Amino acid sequence: MSKVVVQIPQDNPLWKSDHAAFEKYGYSPAVRAGGLLFIAGVVGFRPDGSVPESVAEQSELALQRAQELLRLEGLTMADLVEVVSYHVDLEKHLAAFMPAKERYFQEPFPTWTIIGIQALALPELKVEIRSVAALKT
């Protein structure tokens, strides 16, 4: 099976602050393989690289950024087949995540796994979302 890394233009306003991290930590934001698009964990960075304090804003930004990766591949949120969301302090923050989730996902819904965790890559991050989409044939 071959894989193809999704290329994000350097000037993409939603992703311009991330290019150094891809190199530094040796990962791809998304990879096409086997008829699927695998999207790495996406967090709610602002275009300037800062992290909002609000879980609601982090959630909105993370989903915007995931949607942008899908758009670059000619897909939409409706093409997602699996979503996994990671939440620091799940009981405290899940309610703030839900309005953004409800705006971005419509029926038929993808599968969704919710995981409560102790921490993410940066202490100010509270939500991370990874997903898998079916490519158009």
N, C-alpha and C. Protein backbone atom coordinates (compact mmCIF):
# COMPACT_ATOMS: atom_id res chain seq x y z
N MET A 1 0.85 -1.18 0.00
CA MET A 1 0.00 0.00 0.00
C MET A 1 0.89 1.24 0.00
N SER A 2 0.58 2.16 -0.88
CA SER A 2 1.35 3.41 -0.90
C SER A 2 0.62 4.47 -0.09
N LYS A 3 1.38 5.46 0.33
CA LYS A 3 0.77 6.56 1.06
C LYS A 3 1.25 7.87 0.47
N VAL A 4 0.40 8.88 0.58
CA VAL A 4 0.70 10.20 0.06
C VAL A 4 0.42 11.20 1.18
N VAL A 5 1.42 12.02 1.48
CA VAL A 5 1.28 13.04 2.52
C VAL A 5 0.55 14.24 1.94
N VAL A 6 -0.43 14.73 2.67
CA VAL A 6 -1.16 15.94 2.26
C VAL A 6 -0.23 17.14 2.42
N GLN A 7 -0.13 17.93 1.38
CA GLN A 7 0.71 19.13 1.40
C GLN A 7 -0.14 20.35 1.74
N ILE A 8 0.24 21.05 2.79
CA ILE A 8 -0.46 22.27 3.17
C ILE A 8 0.39 23.45 2.69
N PRO A 9 -0.19 24.33 1.90
CA PRO A 9 0.58 25.49 1.44
C PRO A 9 1.14 26.29 2.62
N GLN A 10 2.37 26.76 2.46
CA GLN A 10 3.03 27.53 3.53
C GLN A 10 2.22 28.75 3.96
N ASP A 11 1.47 29.32 3.04
CA ASP A 11 0.72 30.54 3.36
C ASP A 11 -0.73 30.26 3.80
N ASN A 12 -1.07 29.01 4.03
CA ASN A 12 -2.43 28.69 4.48
C ASN A 12 -2.66 29.33 5.84
N PRO A 13 -3.64 30.24 5.96
CA PRO A 13 -3.79 30.99 7.21
C PRO A 13 -4.13 30.14 8.43
N LEU A 14 -4.78 29.01 8.24
CA LEU A 14 -5.13 28.16 9.39
C LEU A 14 -3.99 27.26 9.83
N TRP A 15 -2.98 27.08 8.97
CA TRP A 15 -1.92 26.12 9.26
C TRP A 15 -0.51 26.70 9.21
N LYS A 16 -0.35 27.99 8.95
CA LYS A 16 1.00 28.53 8.72
C LYS A 16 1.91 28.41 9.94
N SER A 17 1.37 28.37 11.13
CA SER A 17 2.22 28.28 12.33
C SER A 17 2.68 26.85 12.63
N ASP A 18 2.19 25.86 11.88
CA ASP A 18 2.47 24.45 12.20
C ASP A 18 3.62 23.82 11.43
N HIS A 19 4.05 24.42 10.34
CA HIS A 19 5.03 23.76 9.47
C HIS A 19 6.32 23.38 10.20
N ALA A 20 6.78 24.21 11.10
CA ALA A 20 8.01 23.88 11.84
C ALA A 20 7.81 22.65 12.72
N ALA A 21 6.63 22.50 13.29
CA ALA A 21 6.35 21.33 14.15
C ALA A 21 6.37 20.04 13.34
N PHE A 22 5.87 20.07 12.11
CA PHE A 22 5.88 18.87 11.28
C PHE A 22 7.30 18.36 11.12
N GLU A 23 8.22 19.28 10.84
CA GLU A 23 9.63 18.90 10.68
C GLU A 23 10.27 18.51 12.00
N LYS A 24 10.08 19.35 13.00
CA LYS A 24 10.73 19.13 14.30
C LYS A 24 10.35 17.78 14.90
N TYR A 25 9.08 17.43 14.83
CA TYR A 25 8.60 16.21 15.48
C TYR A 25 8.41 15.05 14.50
N GLY A 26 8.68 15.27 13.23
CA GLY A 26 8.65 14.20 12.24
C GLY A 26 7.29 13.55 12.05
N TYR A 27 6.29 14.35 11.72
CA TYR A 27 4.97 13.77 11.44
C TYR A 27 4.30 14.54 10.31
N SER A 28 3.28 13.93 9.76
CA SER A 28 2.49 14.53 8.69
C SER A 28 1.13 14.92 9.24
N PRO A 29 0.58 16.04 8.78
CA PRO A 29 -0.74 16.44 9.27
C PRO A 29 -1.84 15.50 8.79
N ALA A 30 -1.66 14.94 7.59
CA ALA A 30 -2.65 14.02 7.04
C ALA A 30 -1.97 13.18 5.96
N VAL A 31 -2.45 11.93 5.83
CA VAL A 31 -1.88 10.99 4.87
C VAL A 31 -3.03 10.26 4.17
N ARG A 32 -2.94 10.17 2.84
CA ARG A 32 -3.87 9.34 2.06
C ARG A 32 -3.28 7.95 1.91
N ALA A 33 -4.08 6.93 2.21
CA ALA A 33 -3.64 5.55 2.04
C ALA A 33 -4.86 4.63 2.04
N GLY A 34 -4.85 3.64 1.16
CA GLY A 34 -5.90 2.63 1.16
C GLY A 34 -7.31 3.17 1.04
N GLY A 35 -7.50 4.23 0.27
CA GLY A 35 -8.83 4.79 0.08
C GLY A 35 -9.32 5.65 1.22
N LEU A 36 -8.43 5.94 2.17
CA LEU A 36 -8.79 6.75 3.34
C LEU A 36 -7.84 7.92 3.50
N LEU A 37 -8.32 8.95 4.18
CA LEU A 37 -7.48 10.08 4.58
C LEU A 37 -7.38 10.04 6.10
N PHE A 38 -6.17 9.87 6.59
CA PHE A 38 -5.92 9.82 8.03
C PHE A 38 -5.42 11.19 8.47
N ILE A 39 -6.16 11.83 9.37
CA ILE A 39 -5.80 13.16 9.84
C ILE A 39 -5.24 13.04 11.25
N ALA A 40 -4.02 13.53 11.43
CA ALA A 40 -3.38 13.49 12.75
C ALA A 40 -4.17 14.36 13.72
N GLY A 41 -3.88 14.22 15.00
CA GLY A 41 -4.55 15.04 16.00
C GLY A 41 -4.42 16.52 15.69
N VAL A 42 -5.55 17.20 15.68
CA VAL A 42 -5.61 18.63 15.37
C VAL A 42 -6.02 19.37 16.64
N VAL A 43 -5.30 20.43 16.94
CA VAL A 43 -5.61 21.24 18.12
C VAL A 43 -6.03 22.64 17.69
N GLY A 44 -6.54 23.41 18.64
CA GLY A 44 -7.10 24.71 18.35
C GLY A 44 -6.14 25.87 18.44
N PHE A 45 -5.11 25.87 17.59
CA PHE A 45 -4.22 27.02 17.50
C PHE A 45 -4.90 28.12 16.69
N ARG A 46 -4.67 29.35 17.09
CA ARG A 46 -5.07 30.50 16.27
C ARG A 46 -4.07 30.62 15.12
N PRO A 47 -4.41 31.38 14.08
CA PRO A 47 -3.47 31.55 12.96
C PRO A 47 -2.10 32.07 13.38
N ASP A 48 -2.02 32.84 14.47
CA ASP A 48 -0.72 33.34 14.92
C ASP A 48 0.03 32.34 15.80
N GLY A 49 -0.54 31.15 16.00
CA GLY A 49 0.10 30.11 16.80
C GLY A 49 -0.26 30.14 18.26
N SER A 50 -1.02 31.12 18.70
CA SER A 50 -1.41 31.18 20.11
C SER A 50 -2.57 30.22 20.38
N VAL A 51 -2.76 29.90 21.66
CA VAL A 51 -3.81 28.98 22.08
C VAL A 51 -4.85 29.76 22.89
N PRO A 52 -6.11 29.73 22.48
CA PRO A 52 -7.13 30.41 23.26
C PRO A 52 -7.34 29.72 24.61
N GLU A 53 -7.75 30.49 25.61
CA GLU A 53 -8.05 29.90 26.92
C GLU A 53 -9.34 29.10 26.88
N SER A 54 -10.29 29.53 26.11
CA SER A 54 -11.63 28.94 26.06
C SER A 54 -11.62 27.58 25.35
N VAL A 55 -12.19 26.58 26.00
CA VAL A 55 -12.34 25.26 25.38
C VAL A 55 -13.25 25.36 24.16
N ALA A 56 -14.27 26.19 24.23
CA ALA A 56 -15.17 26.37 23.09
C ALA A 56 -14.41 26.89 21.88
N GLU A 57 -13.54 27.89 22.08
CA GLU A 57 -12.77 28.44 20.96
C GLU A 57 -11.73 27.44 20.47
N GLN A 58 -11.08 26.73 21.37
CA GLN A 58 -10.14 25.68 20.95
C GLN A 58 -10.85 24.64 20.10
N SER A 59 -12.04 24.24 20.51
CA SER A 59 -12.81 23.23 19.77
C SER A 59 -13.17 23.74 18.38
N GLU A 60 -13.67 24.96 18.32
CA GLU A 60 -14.04 25.57 17.04
C GLU A 60 -12.84 25.65 16.10
N LEU A 61 -11.71 26.11 16.60
CA LEU A 61 -10.50 26.22 15.78
C LEU A 61 -10.00 24.86 15.32
N ALA A 62 -10.01 23.88 16.20
CA ALA A 62 -9.55 22.53 15.83
C ALA A 62 -10.43 21.97 14.71
N LEU A 63 -11.73 22.14 14.82
CA LEU A 63 -12.62 21.64 13.78
C LEU A 63 -12.48 22.43 12.48
N GLN A 64 -12.25 23.73 12.56
CA GLN A 64 -11.98 24.53 11.35
C GLN A 64 -10.74 24.01 10.65
N ARG A 65 -9.71 23.72 11.43
CA ARG A 65 -8.44 23.26 10.86
C ARG A 65 -8.59 21.86 10.25
N ALA A 66 -9.35 20.99 10.88
CA ALA A 66 -9.62 19.67 10.31
C ALA A 66 -10.41 19.82 9.00
N GLN A 67 -11.39 20.70 9.02
CA GLN A 67 -12.19 20.96 7.83
C GLN A 67 -11.31 21.48 6.68
N GLU A 68 -10.32 22.29 7.01
CA GLU A 68 -9.42 22.81 5.98
C GLU A 68 -8.57 21.69 5.37
N LEU A 69 -8.10 20.76 6.18
CA LEU A 69 -7.35 19.62 5.64
C LEU A 69 -8.23 18.82 4.68
N LEU A 70 -9.47 18.61 5.07
CA LEU A 70 -10.41 17.90 4.19
C LEU A 70 -10.61 18.68 2.89
N ARG A 71 -10.79 19.98 2.99
CA ARG A 71 -10.99 20.82 1.80
C ARG A 71 -9.82 20.71 0.83
N LEU A 72 -8.61 20.69 1.37
CA LEU A 72 -7.41 20.57 0.53
C LEU A 72 -7.41 19.28 -0.28
N GLU A 73 -8.15 18.28 0.19
CA GLU A 73 -8.24 16.99 -0.49
C GLU A 73 -9.56 16.82 -1.24
N GLY A 74 -10.33 17.90 -1.35
CA GLY A 74 -11.61 17.83 -2.06
C GLY A 74 -12.70 17.13 -1.28
N LEU A 75 -12.58 17.13 0.04
CA LEU A 75 -13.54 16.44 0.91
C LEU A 75 -14.23 17.44 1.83
N THR A 76 -15.24 16.96 2.53
CA THR A 76 -15.95 17.77 3.52
C THR A 76 -16.06 16.98 4.82
N MET A 77 -16.61 17.61 5.83
CA MET A 77 -16.82 16.93 7.11
C MET A 77 -17.75 15.73 6.93
N ALA A 78 -18.61 15.75 5.94
CA ALA A 78 -19.52 14.63 5.68
C ALA A 78 -18.77 13.38 5.24
N ASP A 79 -17.53 13.53 4.79
CA ASP A 79 -16.73 12.37 4.36
C ASP A 79 -16.02 11.68 5.52
N LEU A 80 -16.08 12.25 6.71
CA LEU A 80 -15.44 11.61 7.87
C LEU A 80 -16.19 10.33 8.23
N VAL A 81 -15.42 9.28 8.51
CA VAL A 81 -16.02 8.02 8.96
C VAL A 81 -15.68 7.72 10.42
N GLU A 82 -14.63 8.36 10.93
CA GLU A 82 -14.24 8.15 12.32
C GLU A 82 -13.68 9.45 12.89
N VAL A 83 -14.07 9.74 14.12
CA VAL A 83 -13.55 10.89 14.86
C VAL A 83 -13.20 10.41 16.26
N VAL A 84 -12.02 10.81 16.73
CA VAL A 84 -11.63 10.54 18.12
C VAL A 84 -11.27 11.89 18.73
N SER A 85 -11.92 12.23 19.83
CA SER A 85 -11.60 13.49 20.49
C SER A 85 -11.01 13.20 21.86
N TYR A 86 -9.95 13.93 22.17
CA TYR A 86 -9.23 13.79 23.43
C TYR A 86 -9.48 15.05 24.25
N HIS A 87 -9.88 14.88 25.50
CA HIS A 87 -10.28 16.00 26.34
C HIS A 87 -9.56 15.96 27.68
N VAL A 88 -8.82 17.02 27.98
CA VAL A 88 -8.25 17.18 29.31
C VAL A 88 -9.42 17.55 30.22
N ASP A 89 -9.55 16.85 31.34
CA ASP A 89 -10.65 17.09 32.29
C ASP A 89 -11.99 16.97 31.58
N LEU A 90 -12.26 15.78 31.09
CA LEU A 90 -13.43 15.50 30.25
C LEU A 90 -14.74 16.00 30.86
N GLU A 91 -14.99 15.69 32.11
CA GLU A 91 -16.25 16.09 32.73
C GLU A 91 -16.43 17.61 32.74
N LYS A 92 -15.35 18.32 32.93
CA LYS A 92 -15.40 19.78 33.00
C LYS A 92 -15.55 20.42 31.62
N HIS A 93 -14.92 19.83 30.58
CA HIS A 93 -14.81 20.51 29.29
C HIS A 93 -15.70 19.98 28.17
N LEU A 94 -16.30 18.81 28.32
CA LEU A 94 -17.07 18.24 27.21
C LEU A 94 -18.23 19.14 26.80
N ALA A 95 -18.92 19.73 27.76
CA ALA A 95 -20.06 20.59 27.43
C ALA A 95 -19.65 21.77 26.55
N ALA A 96 -18.46 22.32 26.76
CA ALA A 96 -17.98 23.44 25.95
C ALA A 96 -17.58 23.00 24.54
N PHE A 97 -17.28 21.73 24.36
CA PHE A 97 -16.92 21.17 23.07
C PHE A 97 -18.15 20.93 22.18
N MET A 98 -19.25 20.56 22.80
CA MET A 98 -20.42 20.08 22.07
C MET A 98 -21.02 21.07 21.07
N PRO A 99 -21.14 22.36 21.36
CA PRO A 99 -21.72 23.26 20.35
C PRO A 99 -20.94 23.26 19.03
N ALA A 100 -19.61 23.26 19.10
CA ALA A 100 -18.81 23.21 17.87
C ALA A 100 -19.03 21.88 17.16
N LYS A 101 -19.01 20.79 17.91
CA LYS A 101 -19.23 19.47 17.32
C LYS A 101 -20.58 19.43 16.59
N GLU A 102 -21.60 19.96 17.22
CA GLU A 102 -22.94 19.93 16.62
C GLU A 102 -23.02 20.78 15.36
N ARG A 103 -22.23 21.85 15.26
CA ARG A 103 -22.20 22.68 14.05
C ARG A 103 -21.50 21.98 12.89
N TYR A 104 -20.47 21.21 13.18
CA TYR A 104 -19.64 20.63 12.12
C TYR A 104 -20.08 19.25 11.67
N PHE A 105 -20.85 18.52 12.47
CA PHE A 105 -21.23 17.15 12.12
C PHE A 105 -22.74 17.03 11.97
N GLN A 106 -23.15 16.52 10.82
CA GLN A 106 -24.54 16.27 10.53
C GLN A 106 -24.75 14.79 10.21
N GLU A 107 -25.99 14.35 10.23
CA GLU A 107 -26.31 12.97 9.89
C GLU A 107 -26.02 12.73 8.41
N PRO A 108 -25.58 11.55 8.05
CA PRO A 108 -25.21 10.44 8.92
C PRO A 108 -23.87 10.73 9.61
N PHE A 109 -23.85 10.58 10.90
CA PHE A 109 -22.68 10.93 11.71
C PHE A 109 -21.54 9.92 11.53
N PRO A 110 -20.30 10.39 11.66
CA PRO A 110 -19.17 9.45 11.72
C PRO A 110 -19.18 8.75 13.08
N THR A 111 -18.41 7.70 13.20
CA THR A 111 -18.22 7.13 14.53
C THR A 111 -17.48 8.17 15.36
N TRP A 112 -17.67 8.12 16.68
CA TRP A 112 -17.02 9.11 17.55
C TRP A 112 -16.62 8.43 18.85
N THR A 113 -15.36 8.50 19.17
CA THR A 113 -14.85 8.02 20.44
C THR A 113 -14.36 9.22 21.24
N ILE A 114 -14.81 9.31 22.48
CA ILE A 114 -14.46 10.41 23.38
C ILE A 114 -13.50 9.84 24.42
N ILE A 115 -12.33 10.44 24.56
CA ILE A 115 -11.34 9.94 25.51
C ILE A 115 -10.92 11.07 26.45
N GLY A 116 -11.04 10.83 27.73
CA GLY A 116 -10.55 11.76 28.74
C GLY A 116 -9.08 11.47 29.01
N ILE A 117 -8.27 12.51 29.03
CA ILE A 117 -6.83 12.35 29.21
C ILE A 117 -6.31 13.31 30.27
N GLN A 118 -5.08 13.07 30.68
CA GLN A 118 -4.47 13.92 31.70
C GLN A 118 -3.87 15.20 31.12
N ALA A 119 -3.26 15.10 29.93
CA ALA A 119 -2.61 16.28 29.35
C ALA A 119 -2.42 16.08 27.85
N LEU A 120 -2.23 17.20 27.15
CA LEU A 120 -1.87 17.20 25.74
C LEU A 120 -0.46 17.77 25.60
N ALA A 121 -0.01 18.01 24.37
CA ALA A 121 1.37 18.41 24.11
C ALA A 121 1.78 19.72 24.79
N LEU A 122 0.85 20.64 24.94
CA LEU A 122 1.10 21.90 25.65
C LEU A 122 0.10 22.02 26.79
N PRO A 123 0.52 22.57 27.92
CA PRO A 123 -0.39 22.61 29.08
C PRO A 123 -1.67 23.40 28.84
N GLU A 124 -1.64 24.39 27.95
CA GLU A 124 -2.84 25.19 27.71
C GLU A 124 -3.85 24.51 26.78
N LEU A 125 -3.44 23.45 26.09
CA LEU A 125 -4.36 22.73 25.20
C LEU A 125 -5.30 21.85 26.01
N LYS A 126 -6.58 21.87 25.64
CA LYS A 126 -7.60 21.10 26.35
C LYS A 126 -8.32 20.10 25.45
N VAL A 127 -8.21 20.24 24.12
CA VAL A 127 -8.93 19.40 23.17
C VAL A 127 -8.02 19.08 21.99
N GLU A 128 -8.07 17.82 21.54
CA GLU A 128 -7.39 17.41 20.31
C GLU A 128 -8.32 16.45 19.58
N ILE A 129 -8.36 16.57 18.26
CA ILE A 129 -9.29 15.77 17.46
C ILE A 129 -8.52 15.10 16.33
N ARG A 130 -8.62 13.79 16.24
CA ARG A 130 -8.05 13.09 15.09
C ARG A 130 -9.19 12.41 14.36
N SER A 131 -9.00 12.17 13.07
CA SER A 131 -10.12 11.66 12.29
C SER A 131 -9.64 10.90 11.06
N VAL A 132 -10.59 10.18 10.48
CA VAL A 132 -10.36 9.42 9.25
C VAL A 132 -11.53 9.70 8.32
N ALA A 133 -11.21 9.99 7.06
CA ALA A 133 -12.25 10.25 6.05
C ALA A 133 -12.12 9.24 4.92
N ALA A 134 -13.24 8.94 4.28
CA ALA A 134 -13.25 8.10 3.09
C ALA A 134 -12.99 8.99 1.88
N LEU A 135 -12.00 8.61 1.08
CA LEU A 135 -11.69 9.37 -0.13
C LEU A 135 -12.77 9.12 -1.18
N LYS A 136 -12.97 10.07 -2.05
CA LYS A 136 -13.93 9.90 -3.15
C LYS A 136 -13.30 8.98 -4.19
N THR A 137 -14.09 8.09 -4.74
CA THR A 137 -13.56 7.16 -5.74
C THR A 137 -13.91 7.58 -7.14
